[in-house]
Amino acid sequence: MKKMEISVSDEVAAFISKQLGSGAYGSVDEYIEALICADQYDANEETELLLTEGLATESSVMTRDDWDGIRAQVLSKSSEIPK
């Protein structure tokens, strides 16, 4: 696991403390990780929605530029996935 340090405003720190006080999270680390996981889930949901929309449209011929764009997006997203 990689250790990271962040700085937050007093207001954000107070909000995080309130969240911890609710008992839903055991630590700041757990809270931040839950937020990031939710964001990753949302990104995956958005991708799935776009794919579904694409399947519902009329088909078209894929060009080399289309495939290059898809490849670039996949490679950039795969570098964001924790290992």
N, C-alpha and C. Protein backbone atom coordinates (compact mmCIF):
# COMPACT_ATOMS: atom_id res chain seq x y z
N MET A 1 0.84 -1.17 0.00
CA MET A 1 0.00 0.00 0.00
C MET A 1 0.89 1.24 0.00
N LYS A 2 0.50 2.22 -0.77
CA LYS A 2 1.27 3.46 -0.85
C LYS A 2 0.70 4.49 0.11
N LYS A 3 1.57 5.12 0.86
CA LYS A 3 1.15 6.16 1.80
C LYS A 3 1.17 7.51 1.08
N MET A 4 0.09 8.30 1.29
CA MET A 4 -0.03 9.62 0.69
C MET A 4 -0.43 10.60 1.77
N GLU A 5 -0.05 11.84 1.58
CA GLU A 5 -0.43 12.89 2.53
C GLU A 5 -1.21 13.95 1.77
N ILE A 6 -2.33 14.39 2.35
CA ILE A 6 -3.12 15.45 1.72
C ILE A 6 -3.38 16.56 2.73
N SER A 7 -3.66 17.73 2.22
CA SER A 7 -4.05 18.86 3.06
C SER A 7 -5.47 19.24 2.70
N VAL A 8 -6.28 19.52 3.71
CA VAL A 8 -7.67 19.92 3.48
C VAL A 8 -7.96 21.16 4.32
N SER A 9 -8.98 21.88 3.92
CA SER A 9 -9.39 23.06 4.68
C SER A 9 -9.96 22.65 6.03
N ASP A 10 -10.08 23.61 6.92
CA ASP A 10 -10.67 23.33 8.23
C ASP A 10 -12.11 22.83 8.09
N GLU A 11 -12.84 23.39 7.14
CA GLU A 11 -14.23 22.96 6.92
C GLU A 11 -14.30 21.50 6.48
N VAL A 12 -13.41 21.13 5.56
CA VAL A 12 -13.39 19.74 5.09
C VAL A 12 -12.96 18.81 6.22
N ALA A 13 -11.98 19.21 6.99
CA ALA A 13 -11.53 18.39 8.13
C ALA A 13 -12.67 18.18 9.12
N ALA A 14 -13.46 19.24 9.37
CA ALA A 14 -14.59 19.12 10.28
C ALA A 14 -15.64 18.16 9.72
N PHE A 15 -15.87 18.24 8.42
CA PHE A 15 -16.84 17.34 7.79
C PHE A 15 -16.37 15.89 7.89
N ILE A 16 -15.09 15.66 7.63
CA ILE A 16 -14.54 14.31 7.72
C ILE A 16 -14.69 13.79 9.16
N SER A 17 -14.40 14.63 10.13
CA SER A 17 -14.56 14.24 11.54
C SER A 17 -16.00 13.86 11.84
N LYS A 18 -16.93 14.62 11.28
CA LYS A 18 -18.36 14.32 11.48
C LYS A 18 -18.69 12.96 10.86
N GLN A 19 -18.17 12.70 9.69
CA GLN A 19 -18.41 11.41 9.04
C GLN A 19 -17.84 10.27 9.89
N LEU A 20 -16.66 10.46 10.42
CA LEU A 20 -16.05 9.44 11.27
C LEU A 20 -16.87 9.24 12.54
N GLY A 21 -17.38 10.35 13.09
CA GLY A 21 -18.19 10.29 14.29
C GLY A 21 -19.50 9.52 14.12
N SER A 22 -19.97 9.45 12.87
CA SER A 22 -21.22 8.72 12.61
C SER A 22 -21.03 7.21 12.75
N GLY A 23 -19.77 6.78 12.77
CA GLY A 23 -19.49 5.35 12.91
C GLY A 23 -19.48 4.59 11.59
N ALA A 24 -19.75 5.27 10.50
CA ALA A 24 -19.77 4.59 9.20
C ALA A 24 -18.37 4.21 8.72
N TYR A 25 -17.38 4.94 9.19
CA TYR A 25 -16.00 4.71 8.77
C TYR A 25 -15.11 4.62 10.01
N GLY A 26 -14.13 3.72 9.95
CA GLY A 26 -13.24 3.53 11.08
C GLY A 26 -12.07 4.47 11.12
N SER A 27 -11.77 5.07 9.97
CA SER A 27 -10.60 5.96 9.90
C SER A 27 -10.75 6.89 8.71
N VAL A 28 -9.92 7.92 8.69
CA VAL A 28 -9.89 8.83 7.54
C VAL A 28 -9.52 8.04 6.28
N ASP A 29 -8.58 7.12 6.41
CA ASP A 29 -8.17 6.29 5.27
C ASP A 29 -9.37 5.55 4.67
N GLU A 30 -10.18 4.93 5.54
CA GLU A 30 -11.36 4.20 5.06
C GLU A 30 -12.33 5.14 4.34
N TYR A 31 -12.53 6.32 4.90
CA TYR A 31 -13.46 7.28 4.31
C TYR A 31 -12.99 7.73 2.93
N ILE A 32 -11.74 8.11 2.83
CA ILE A 32 -11.20 8.57 1.54
C ILE A 32 -11.23 7.44 0.52
N GLU A 33 -10.85 6.24 0.94
CA GLU A 33 -10.87 5.10 0.01
C GLU A 33 -12.29 4.81 -0.47
N ALA A 34 -13.28 4.92 0.41
CA ALA A 34 -14.67 4.72 0.00
C ALA A 34 -15.11 5.75 -1.03
N LEU A 35 -14.70 7.01 -0.85
CA LEU A 35 -15.03 8.05 -1.81
C LEU A 35 -14.41 7.77 -3.17
N ILE A 36 -13.16 7.34 -3.17
CA ILE A 36 -12.47 7.06 -4.42
C ILE A 36 -13.09 5.85 -5.12
N CYS A 37 -13.42 4.81 -4.35
CA CYS A 37 -14.07 3.63 -4.94
C CYS A 37 -15.41 4.00 -5.56
N ALA A 38 -16.16 4.87 -4.90
CA ALA A 38 -17.45 5.31 -5.45
C ALA A 38 -17.24 6.08 -6.74
N ASP A 39 -16.20 6.89 -6.79
CA ASP A 39 -15.89 7.65 -8.00
C ASP A 39 -15.50 6.71 -9.14
N GLN A 40 -14.71 5.69 -8.83
CA GLN A 40 -14.34 4.70 -9.84
C GLN A 40 -15.57 3.97 -10.35
N TYR A 41 -16.47 3.61 -9.44
CA TYR A 41 -17.69 2.92 -9.83
C TYR A 41 -18.52 3.80 -10.77
N ASP A 42 -18.65 5.09 -10.43
CA ASP A 42 -19.38 6.02 -11.29
C ASP A 42 -18.77 6.11 -12.67
N ALA A 43 -17.44 6.13 -12.74
CA ALA A 43 -16.76 6.20 -14.03
C ALA A 43 -17.07 4.95 -14.86
N ASN A 44 -17.09 3.79 -14.21
CA ASN A 44 -17.41 2.55 -14.91
C ASN A 44 -18.85 2.54 -15.38
N GLU A 45 -19.75 3.07 -14.55
CA GLU A 45 -21.16 3.16 -14.92
C GLU A 45 -21.34 4.05 -16.14
N GLU A 46 -20.60 5.16 -16.17
CA GLU A 46 -20.68 6.09 -17.31
C GLU A 46 -20.21 5.40 -18.58
N THR A 47 -19.14 4.65 -18.49
CA THR A 47 -18.62 3.92 -19.65
C THR A 47 -19.66 2.91 -20.14
N GLU A 48 -20.26 2.19 -19.22
CA GLU A 48 -21.27 1.20 -19.59
C GLU A 48 -22.47 1.87 -20.26
N LEU A 49 -22.89 3.03 -19.73
CA LEU A 49 -24.00 3.76 -20.33
C LEU A 49 -23.67 4.19 -21.75
N LEU A 50 -22.46 4.69 -21.96
CA LEU A 50 -22.05 5.11 -23.30
C LEU A 50 -22.00 3.92 -24.26
N LEU A 51 -21.52 2.79 -23.79
CA LEU A 51 -21.49 1.59 -24.63
C LEU A 51 -22.91 1.15 -24.99
N THR A 52 -23.80 1.18 -24.03
CA THR A 52 -25.19 0.80 -24.28
C THR A 52 -25.84 1.74 -25.28
N GLU A 53 -25.60 3.03 -25.12
CA GLU A 53 -26.13 4.01 -26.07
C GLU A 53 -25.58 3.75 -27.46
N GLY A 54 -24.29 3.43 -27.53
CA GLY A 54 -23.67 3.16 -28.82
C GLY A 54 -24.27 1.94 -29.50
N LEU A 55 -24.58 0.92 -28.72
CA LEU A 55 -25.18 -0.29 -29.28
C LEU A 55 -26.59 -0.03 -29.79
N ALA A 56 -27.26 0.96 -29.23
CA ALA A 56 -28.63 1.26 -29.62
C ALA A 56 -28.72 2.14 -30.87
N THR A 57 -27.60 2.68 -31.32
CA THR A 57 -27.61 3.54 -32.50
C THR A 57 -27.33 2.73 -33.76
N GLU A 58 -27.56 3.37 -34.89
CA GLU A 58 -27.26 2.70 -36.15
C GLU A 58 -25.77 2.40 -36.23
N SER A 59 -25.45 1.29 -36.85
CA SER A 59 -24.04 0.92 -36.95
C SER A 59 -23.35 1.79 -37.99
N SER A 60 -22.05 1.95 -37.81
CA SER A 60 -21.25 2.71 -38.76
C SER A 60 -19.90 2.01 -38.90
N VAL A 61 -19.19 2.36 -39.93
CA VAL A 61 -17.89 1.77 -40.18
C VAL A 61 -16.87 2.42 -39.25
N MET A 62 -16.10 1.60 -38.56
CA MET A 62 -15.05 2.10 -37.67
C MET A 62 -13.80 2.41 -38.50
N THR A 63 -13.27 3.59 -38.28
CA THR A 63 -12.05 3.98 -38.99
C THR A 63 -10.84 3.71 -38.10
N ARG A 64 -9.67 3.82 -38.67
CA ARG A 64 -8.43 3.65 -37.90
C ARG A 64 -8.36 4.68 -36.77
N ASP A 65 -8.81 5.91 -37.05
CA ASP A 65 -8.83 6.96 -36.02
C ASP A 65 -9.76 6.58 -34.87
N ASP A 66 -10.90 5.97 -35.19
CA ASP A 66 -11.83 5.52 -34.15
C ASP A 66 -11.13 4.52 -33.22
N TRP A 67 -10.48 3.52 -33.81
CA TRP A 67 -9.80 2.49 -33.01
C TRP A 67 -8.64 3.08 -32.22
N ASP A 68 -7.91 4.00 -32.82
CA ASP A 68 -6.81 4.64 -32.09
C ASP A 68 -7.33 5.42 -30.89
N GLY A 69 -8.46 6.09 -31.06
CA GLY A 69 -9.06 6.84 -29.95
C GLY A 69 -9.52 5.91 -28.83
N ILE A 70 -10.14 4.80 -29.21
CA ILE A 70 -10.58 3.82 -28.22
C ILE A 70 -9.38 3.25 -27.47
N ARG A 71 -8.35 2.90 -28.20
CA ARG A 71 -7.13 2.34 -27.59
C ARG A 71 -6.53 3.33 -26.59
N ALA A 72 -6.47 4.60 -26.96
CA ALA A 72 -5.90 5.62 -26.08
C ALA A 72 -6.73 5.76 -24.80
N GLN A 73 -8.06 5.73 -24.94
CA GLN A 73 -8.93 5.83 -23.76
C GLN A 73 -8.75 4.63 -22.83
N VAL A 74 -8.70 3.44 -23.39
CA VAL A 74 -8.53 2.24 -22.57
C VAL A 74 -7.19 2.27 -21.85
N LEU A 75 -6.14 2.65 -22.56
CA LEU A 75 -4.83 2.70 -21.93
C LEU A 75 -4.77 3.75 -20.82
N SER A 76 -5.41 4.89 -21.02
CA SER A 76 -5.40 5.91 -19.97
C SER A 76 -6.21 5.46 -18.77
N LYS A 77 -7.33 4.77 -18.99
CA LYS A 77 -8.16 4.28 -17.88
C LYS A 77 -7.45 3.15 -17.14
N SER A 78 -6.76 2.28 -17.88
CA SER A 78 -6.11 1.15 -17.23
C SER A 78 -4.98 1.59 -16.32
N SER A 79 -4.38 2.72 -16.60
CA SER A 79 -3.31 3.22 -15.73
C SER A 79 -3.87 3.79 -14.43
N GLU A 80 -5.18 4.05 -14.37
CA GLU A 80 -5.82 4.59 -13.18
C GLU A 80 -6.28 3.49 -12.22
N ILE A 81 -6.32 2.25 -12.69
CA ILE A 81 -6.82 1.15 -11.87
C ILE A 81 -5.74 0.73 -10.87
N PRO A 82 -6.10 0.70 -9.59
CA PRO A 82 -5.10 0.29 -8.59
C PRO A 82 -4.71 -1.17 -8.79
N LYS A 83 -3.47 -1.45 -8.56
CA LYS A 83 -2.99 -2.82 -8.75
C LYS A 83 -2.77 -3.49 -7.44
